[in-house]
Amino acid sequence: DDYDKKFLILNDLSNGHENVKIPVYNDIDNDRPDNFNYITKIRPIDNRIAAALNDNNATSCCDCIDKSV
């Protein structure tokens, strides 16, 4: 629609890195997203996150203690 066209500020946030375009809309002002490097895979920022991503155990990154037992 015309509304969508009026507020579309970027046709594809991924710059072609995804199979489907990721449009960006802004109906408040004409500001565009800051420059950044779009990535298609998770890049761990520390060893704990890297271990959690490589572990199939669902509780691998949980520090909680089950008190219901």
PDB file of N, CA and C in Angstrom:
ATOM      1  N   ASP A   1       0.800  -1.209   0.000  1.00  0.00           N
ATOM      2  CA  ASP A   1       0.000   0.000   0.000  1.00  0.00           C
ATOM      3  C   ASP A   1       0.838   1.266   0.000  1.00  0.00           C
ATOM      4  N   ASP A   2       0.132   2.395  -0.127  1.00  0.00           N
ATOM      5  CA  ASP A   2       0.821   3.684  -0.129  1.00  0.00           C
ATOM      6  C   ASP A   2       1.468   3.968   1.224  1.00  0.00           C
ATOM      7  N   TYR A   3       0.805   3.513   2.310  1.00  0.00           N
ATOM      8  CA  TYR A   3       1.376   3.714   3.648  1.00  0.00           C
ATOM      9  C   TYR A   3       2.747   3.046   3.733  1.00  0.00           C
ATOM     10  N   ASP A   4       2.799   1.793   3.300  1.00  0.00           N
ATOM     11  CA  ASP A   4       4.065   1.068   3.343  1.00  0.00           C
ATOM     12  C   ASP A   4       5.135   1.766   2.510  1.00  0.00           C
ATOM     13  N   LYS A   5       4.791   2.193   1.336  1.00  0.00           N
ATOM     14  CA  LYS A   5       5.757   2.856   0.455  1.00  0.00           C
ATOM     15  C   LYS A   5       6.234   4.171   1.057  1.00  0.00           C
ATOM     16  N   LYS A   6       5.325   4.876   1.723  1.00  0.00           N
ATOM     17  CA  LYS A   6       5.659   6.188   2.294  1.00  0.00           C
ATOM     18  C   LYS A   6       6.727   6.077   3.388  1.00  0.00           C
ATOM     19  N   PHE A   7       6.675   5.006   4.186  1.00  0.00           N
ATOM     20  CA  PHE A   7       7.570   4.882   5.329  1.00  0.00           C
ATOM     21  C   PHE A   7       8.712   3.880   5.127  1.00  0.00           C
ATOM     22  N   LEU A   8       8.815   3.299   3.958  1.00  0.00           N
ATOM     23  CA  LEU A   8       9.911   2.380   3.656  1.00  0.00           C
ATOM     24  C   LEU A   8      11.208   3.180   3.532  1.00  0.00           C
ATOM     25  N   ILE A   9      12.168   2.869   4.386  1.00  0.00           N
ATOM     26  CA  ILE A   9      13.433   3.616   4.335  1.00  0.00           C
ATOM     27  C   ILE A   9      14.591   2.754   3.845  1.00  0.00           C
ATOM     28  N   LEU A  10      14.385   1.430   3.814  1.00  0.00           N
ATOM     29  CA  LEU A  10      15.432   0.527   3.358  1.00  0.00           C
ATOM     30  C   LEU A  10      14.766  -0.721   2.786  1.00  0.00           C
ATOM     31  N   ASN A  11      15.074  -1.045   1.540  1.00  0.00           N
ATOM     32  CA  ASN A  11      14.430  -2.188   0.890  1.00  0.00           C
ATOM     33  C   ASN A  11      14.867  -3.536   1.452  1.00  0.00           C
ATOM     34  N   ASP A  12      16.132  -3.656   1.838  1.00  0.00           N
ATOM     35  CA  ASP A  12      16.630  -4.947   2.308  1.00  0.00           C
ATOM     36  C   ASP A  12      17.757  -4.738   3.302  1.00  0.00           C
ATOM     37  N   LEU A  13      17.443  -4.910   4.576  1.00  0.00           N
ATOM     38  CA  LEU A  13      18.421  -4.736   5.644  1.00  0.00           C
ATOM     39  C   LEU A  13      19.594  -5.691   5.498  1.00  0.00           C
ATOM     40  N   SER A  14      19.338  -6.877   4.916  1.00  0.00           N
ATOM     41  CA  SER A  14      20.397  -7.887   4.798  1.00  0.00           C
ATOM     42  C   SER A  14      21.294  -7.684   3.586  1.00  0.00           C
ATOM     43  N   ASN A  15      20.964  -6.748   2.723  1.00  0.00           N
ATOM     44  CA  ASN A  15      21.745  -6.511   1.500  1.00  0.00           C
ATOM     45  C   ASN A  15      21.943  -7.781   0.686  1.00  0.00           C
ATOM     46  N   GLY A  16      20.870  -8.586   0.581  1.00  0.00           N
ATOM     47  CA  GLY A  16      20.927  -9.783  -0.235  1.00  0.00           C
ATOM     48  C   GLY A  16      21.485 -11.018   0.442  1.00  0.00           C
ATOM     49  N   HIS A  17      21.815 -10.936   1.736  1.00  0.00           N
ATOM     50  CA  HIS A  17      22.360 -12.091   2.449  1.00  0.00           C
ATOM     51  C   HIS A  17      21.287 -13.107   2.847  1.00  0.00           C
ATOM     52  N   GLU A  18      20.023 -12.735   2.789  1.00  0.00           N
ATOM     53  CA  GLU A  18      18.931 -13.648   3.131  1.00  0.00           C
ATOM     54  C   GLU A  18      18.154 -13.990   1.860  1.00  0.00           C
ATOM     55  N   ASN A  19      17.417 -15.092   1.886  1.00  0.00           N
ATOM     56  CA  ASN A  19      16.603 -15.501   0.741  1.00  0.00           C
ATOM     57  C   ASN A  19      15.425 -14.561   0.512  1.00  0.00           C
ATOM     58  N   VAL A  20      14.996 -13.907   1.573  1.00  0.00           N
ATOM     59  CA  VAL A  20      13.863 -12.985   1.512  1.00  0.00           C
ATOM     60  C   VAL A  20      14.351 -11.611   1.952  1.00  0.00           C
ATOM     61  N   LYS A  21      13.926 -10.574   1.262  1.00  0.00           N
ATOM     62  CA  LYS A  21      14.311  -9.214   1.640  1.00  0.00           C
ATOM     63  C   LYS A  21      13.746  -8.870   3.013  1.00  0.00           C
ATOM     64  N   ILE A  22      14.498  -8.095   3.775  1.00  0.00           N
ATOM     65  CA  ILE A  22      14.067  -7.626   5.082  1.00  0.00           C
ATOM     66  C   ILE A  22      13.897  -6.110   5.000  1.00  0.00           C
ATOM     67  N   PRO A  23      12.680  -5.644   4.735  1.00  0.00           N
ATOM     68  CA  PRO A  23      12.457  -4.210   4.614  1.00  0.00           C
ATOM     69  C   PRO A  23      12.463  -3.521   5.979  1.00  0.00           C
ATOM     70  N   VAL A  24      12.814  -2.251   5.989  1.00  0.00           N
ATOM     71  CA  VAL A  24      12.819  -1.453   7.215  1.00  0.00           C
ATOM     72  C   VAL A  24      11.895  -0.266   7.005  1.00  0.00           C
ATOM     73  N   TYR A  25      10.983  -0.088   7.952  1.00  0.00           N
ATOM     74  CA  TYR A  25      10.022   1.015   7.898  1.00  0.00           C
ATOM     75  C   TYR A  25      10.255   1.929   9.086  1.00  0.00           C
ATOM     76  N   ASN A  26       9.991   3.214   8.885  1.00  0.00           N
ATOM     77  CA  ASN A  26      10.095   4.189   9.969  1.00  0.00           C
ATOM     78  C   ASN A  26       8.999   5.214   9.755  1.00  0.00           C
ATOM     79  N   ASP A  27       7.989   5.188  10.620  1.00  0.00           N
ATOM     80  CA  ASP A  27       6.885   6.138  10.487  1.00  0.00           C
ATOM     81  C   ASP A  27       6.997   7.295  11.476  1.00  0.00           C
ATOM     82  N   ILE A  28       8.188   7.437  12.093  1.00  0.00           N
ATOM     83  CA  ILE A  28       8.400   8.528  13.052  1.00  0.00           C
ATOM     84  C   ILE A  28       9.229   9.649  12.442  1.00  0.00           C
ATOM     85  N   ASP A  29      10.333   9.304  11.820  1.00  0.00           N
ATOM     86  CA  ASP A  29      11.208  10.297  11.193  1.00  0.00           C
ATOM     87  C   ASP A  29      11.892   9.625   9.999  1.00  0.00           C
ATOM     88  N   ASN A  30      12.876  10.254   9.426  1.00  0.00           N
ATOM     89  CA  ASN A  30      13.554   9.690   8.256  1.00  0.00           C
ATOM     90  C   ASN A  30      14.879   9.020   8.608  1.00  0.00           C
ATOM     91  N   ASP A  31      15.109   8.782   9.904  1.00  0.00           N
ATOM     92  CA  ASP A  31      16.359   8.158  10.331  1.00  0.00           C
ATOM     93  C   ASP A  31      16.463   6.739   9.799  1.00  0.00           C
ATOM     94  N   ARG A  32      17.662   6.409   9.388  1.00  0.00           N
ATOM     95  CA  ARG A  32      17.960   5.058   8.902  1.00  0.00           C
ATOM     96  C   ARG A  32      18.786   4.350   9.963  1.00  0.00           C
ATOM     97  N   PRO A  33      18.852   3.021   9.925  1.00  0.00           N
ATOM     98  CA  PRO A  33      19.695   2.306  10.894  1.00  0.00           C
ATOM     99  C   PRO A  33      21.154   2.726  10.761  1.00  0.00           C
ATOM    100  N   ASP A  34      21.869   2.705  11.885  1.00  0.00           N
ATOM    101  CA  ASP A  34      23.299   2.982  11.860  1.00  0.00           C
ATOM    102  C   ASP A  34      23.996   1.916  11.023  1.00  0.00           C
ATOM    103  N   ASN A  35      25.171   2.232  10.524  1.00  0.00           N
ATOM    104  CA  ASN A  35      25.946   1.260   9.749  1.00  0.00           C
ATOM    105  C   ASN A  35      26.347   0.084  10.634  1.00  0.00           C
ATOM    106  N   PHE A  36      26.255  -1.106  10.102  1.00  0.00           N
ATOM    107  CA  PHE A  36      26.636  -2.302  10.814  1.00  0.00           C
ATOM    108  C   PHE A  36      26.922  -3.402   9.802  1.00  0.00           C
ATOM    109  N   ASN A  37      27.557  -4.470  10.253  1.00  0.00           N
ATOM    110  CA  ASN A  37      27.816  -5.636   9.414  1.00  0.00           C
ATOM    111  C   ASN A  37      26.717  -6.652   9.672  1.00  0.00           C
ATOM    112  N   TYR A  38      25.928  -6.948   8.652  1.00  0.00           N
ATOM    113  CA  TYR A  38      24.863  -7.940   8.768  1.00  0.00           C
ATOM    114  C   TYR A  38      25.482  -9.323   8.699  1.00  0.00           C
ATOM    115  N   ILE A  39      25.155 -10.182   9.657  1.00  0.00           N
ATOM    116  CA  ILE A  39      25.677 -11.542   9.653  1.00  0.00           C
ATOM    117  C   ILE A  39      24.508 -12.525   9.583  1.00  0.00           C
ATOM    118  N   THR A  40      24.758 -13.691   9.032  1.00  0.00           N
ATOM    119  CA  THR A  40      23.691 -14.678   8.880  1.00  0.00           C
ATOM    120  C   THR A  40      23.833 -15.829   9.867  1.00  0.00           C
ATOM    121  N   LYS A  41      24.892 -15.845  10.644  1.00  0.00           N
ATOM    122  CA  LYS A  41      25.090 -16.898  11.643  1.00  0.00           C
ATOM    123  C   LYS A  41      25.416 -16.271  12.978  1.00  0.00           C
ATOM    124  N   ILE A  42      25.032 -16.970  14.045  1.00  0.00           N
ATOM    125  CA  ILE A  42      25.331 -16.488  15.392  1.00  0.00           C
ATOM    126  C   ILE A  42      26.833 -16.583  15.631  1.00  0.00           C
ATOM    127  N   ARG A  43      27.394 -15.520  16.153  1.00  0.00           N
ATOM    128  CA  ARG A  43      28.811 -15.508  16.511  1.00  0.00           C
ATOM    129  C   ARG A  43      28.907 -15.298  18.020  1.00  0.00           C
ATOM    130  N   PRO A  44      29.309 -16.324  18.747  1.00  0.00           N
ATOM    131  CA  PRO A  44      29.371 -16.213  20.202  1.00  0.00           C
ATOM    132  C   PRO A  44      30.321 -15.114  20.650  1.00  0.00           C
ATOM    133  N   ILE A  45      29.947 -14.419  21.717  1.00  0.00           N
ATOM    134  CA  ILE A  45      30.796 -13.344  22.216  1.00  0.00           C
ATOM    135  C   ILE A  45      31.674 -13.786  23.373  1.00  0.00           C
ATOM    136  N   ASP A  46      31.384 -14.959  23.945  1.00  0.00           N
ATOM    137  CA  ASP A  46      32.270 -15.484  24.972  1.00  0.00           C
ATOM    138  C   ASP A  46      32.182 -17.015  25.001  1.00  0.00           C
ATOM    139  N   ASN A  47      33.050 -17.645  25.792  1.00  0.00           N
ATOM    140  CA  ASN A  47      33.143 -19.108  25.819  1.00  0.00           C
ATOM    141  C   ASN A  47      31.869 -19.772  26.311  1.00  0.00           C
ATOM    142  N   ARG A  48      31.177 -19.147  27.254  1.00  0.00           N
ATOM    143  CA  ARG A  48      29.954 -19.744  27.787  1.00  0.00           C
ATOM    144  C   ARG A  48      28.881 -19.833  26.704  1.00  0.00           C
ATOM    145  N   ILE A  49      28.732 -18.787  25.925  1.00  0.00           N
ATOM    146  CA  ILE A  49      27.743 -18.800  24.850  1.00  0.00           C
ATOM    147  C   ILE A  49      28.152 -19.806  23.781  1.00  0.00           C
ATOM    148  N   ALA A  50      29.434 -19.866  23.458  1.00  0.00           N
ATOM    149  CA  ALA A  50      29.905 -20.830  22.464  1.00  0.00           C
ATOM    150  C   ALA A  50      29.612 -22.252  22.925  1.00  0.00           C
ATOM    151  N   ALA A  51      29.830 -22.555  24.210  1.00  0.00           N
ATOM    152  CA  ALA A  51      29.564 -23.892  24.733  1.00  0.00           C
ATOM    153  C   ALA A  51      28.064 -24.195  24.667  1.00  0.00           C
ATOM    154  N   ALA A  52      27.245 -23.226  24.975  1.00  0.00           N
ATOM    155  CA  ALA A  52      25.790 -23.422  24.947  1.00  0.00           C
ATOM    156  C   ALA A  52      25.310 -23.686  23.524  1.00  0.00           C
ATOM    157  N   LEU A  53      25.870 -23.011  22.561  1.00  0.00           N
ATOM    158  CA  LEU A  53      25.463 -23.202  21.172  1.00  0.00           C
ATOM    159  C   LEU A  53      25.857 -24.577  20.655  1.00  0.00           C
ATOM    160  N   ASN A  54      26.930 -25.141  21.188  1.00  0.00           N
ATOM    161  CA  ASN A  54      27.411 -26.442  20.727  1.00  0.00           C
ATOM    162  C   ASN A  54      26.892 -27.602  21.559  1.00  0.00           C
ATOM    163  N   ASP A  55      26.085 -27.306  22.577  1.00  0.00           N
ATOM    164  CA  ASP A  55      25.574 -28.330  23.482  1.00  0.00           C
ATOM    165  C   ASP A  55      24.094 -28.558  23.197  1.00  0.00           C
ATOM    166  N   ASN A  56      23.686 -29.801  22.986  1.00  0.00           N
ATOM    167  CA  ASN A  56      22.291 -30.115  22.708  1.00  0.00           C
ATOM    168  C   ASN A  56      21.444 -30.201  23.971  1.00  0.00           C
ATOM    169  N   ASN A  57      22.052 -30.126  25.129  1.00  0.00           N
ATOM    170  CA  ASN A  57      21.334 -30.175  26.395  1.00  0.00           C
ATOM    171  C   ASN A  57      20.615 -28.844  26.614  1.00  0.00           C
ATOM    172  N   ALA A  58      19.308 -28.878  26.772  1.00  0.00           N
ATOM    173  CA  ALA A  58      18.501 -27.651  26.865  1.00  0.00           C
ATOM    174  C   ALA A  58      18.842 -26.803  28.077  1.00  0.00           C
ATOM    175  N   THR A  59      19.452 -27.370  29.109  1.00  0.00           N
ATOM    176  CA  THR A  59      19.748 -26.600  30.317  1.00  0.00           C
ATOM    177  C   THR A  59      21.203 -26.166  30.380  1.00  0.00           C
ATOM    178  N   SER A  60      21.912 -26.233  29.294  1.00  0.00           N
ATOM    179  CA  SER A  60      23.348 -25.971  29.298  1.00  0.00           C
ATOM    180  C   SER A  60      23.719 -24.572  29.731  1.00  0.00           C
ATOM    181  N   CYS A  61      22.842 -23.615  29.573  1.00  0.00           N
ATOM    182  CA  CYS A  61      23.204 -22.244  29.960  1.00  0.00           C
ATOM    183  C   CYS A  61      22.310 -21.744  31.089  1.00  0.00           C
ATOM    184  N   CYS A  62      21.737 -22.659  31.851  1.00  0.00           N
ATOM    185  CA  CYS A  62      20.852 -22.282  32.935  1.00  0.00           C
ATOM    186  C   CYS A  62      21.602 -22.373  34.257  1.00  0.00           C
ATOM    187  N   ASP A  63      21.560 -21.298  35.055  1.00  0.00           N
ATOM    188  CA  ASP A  63      22.185 -21.296  36.366  1.00  0.00           C
ATOM    189  C   ASP A  63      21.158 -21.545  37.475  1.00  0.00           C
ATOM    190  N   CYS A  64      19.922 -21.803  37.110  1.00  0.00           N
ATOM    191  CA  CYS A  64      18.863 -21.942  38.106  1.00  0.00           C
ATOM    192  C   CYS A  64      18.936 -23.306  38.799  1.00  0.00           C
ATOM    193  N   ILE A  65      18.349 -23.368  39.983  1.00  0.00           N
ATOM    194  CA  ILE A  65      18.283 -24.609  40.746  1.00  0.00           C
ATOM    195  C   ILE A  65      16.817 -24.943  40.910  1.00  0.00           C
ATOM    196  N   ASP A  66      16.459 -26.172  40.566  1.00  0.00           N
ATOM    197  CA  ASP A  66      15.072 -26.599  40.671  1.00  0.00           C
ATOM    198  C   ASP A  66      14.752 -26.910  42.128  1.00  0.00           C
ATOM    199  N   LYS A  67      13.949 -26.050  42.761  1.00  0.00           N
ATOM    200  CA  LYS A  67      13.597 -26.222  44.163  1.00  0.00           C
ATOM    201  C   LYS A  67      12.314 -27.014  44.354  1.00  0.00           C
ATOM    202  N   SER A  68      11.735 -27.504  43.245  1.00  0.00           N
ATOM    203  CA  SER A  68      10.477 -28.235  43.360  1.00  0.00           C
ATOM    204  C   SER A  68      10.690 -29.705  43.692  1.00  0.00           C
ATOM    205  N   VAL A  69      11.942 -30.135  43.755  1.00  0.00           N
ATOM    206  CA  VAL A  69      12.235 -31.556  44.011  1.00  0.00           C
ATOM    207  C   VAL A  69      12.295 -31.805  45.496  1.00  0.00           C
TER     208      VAL A  69
END
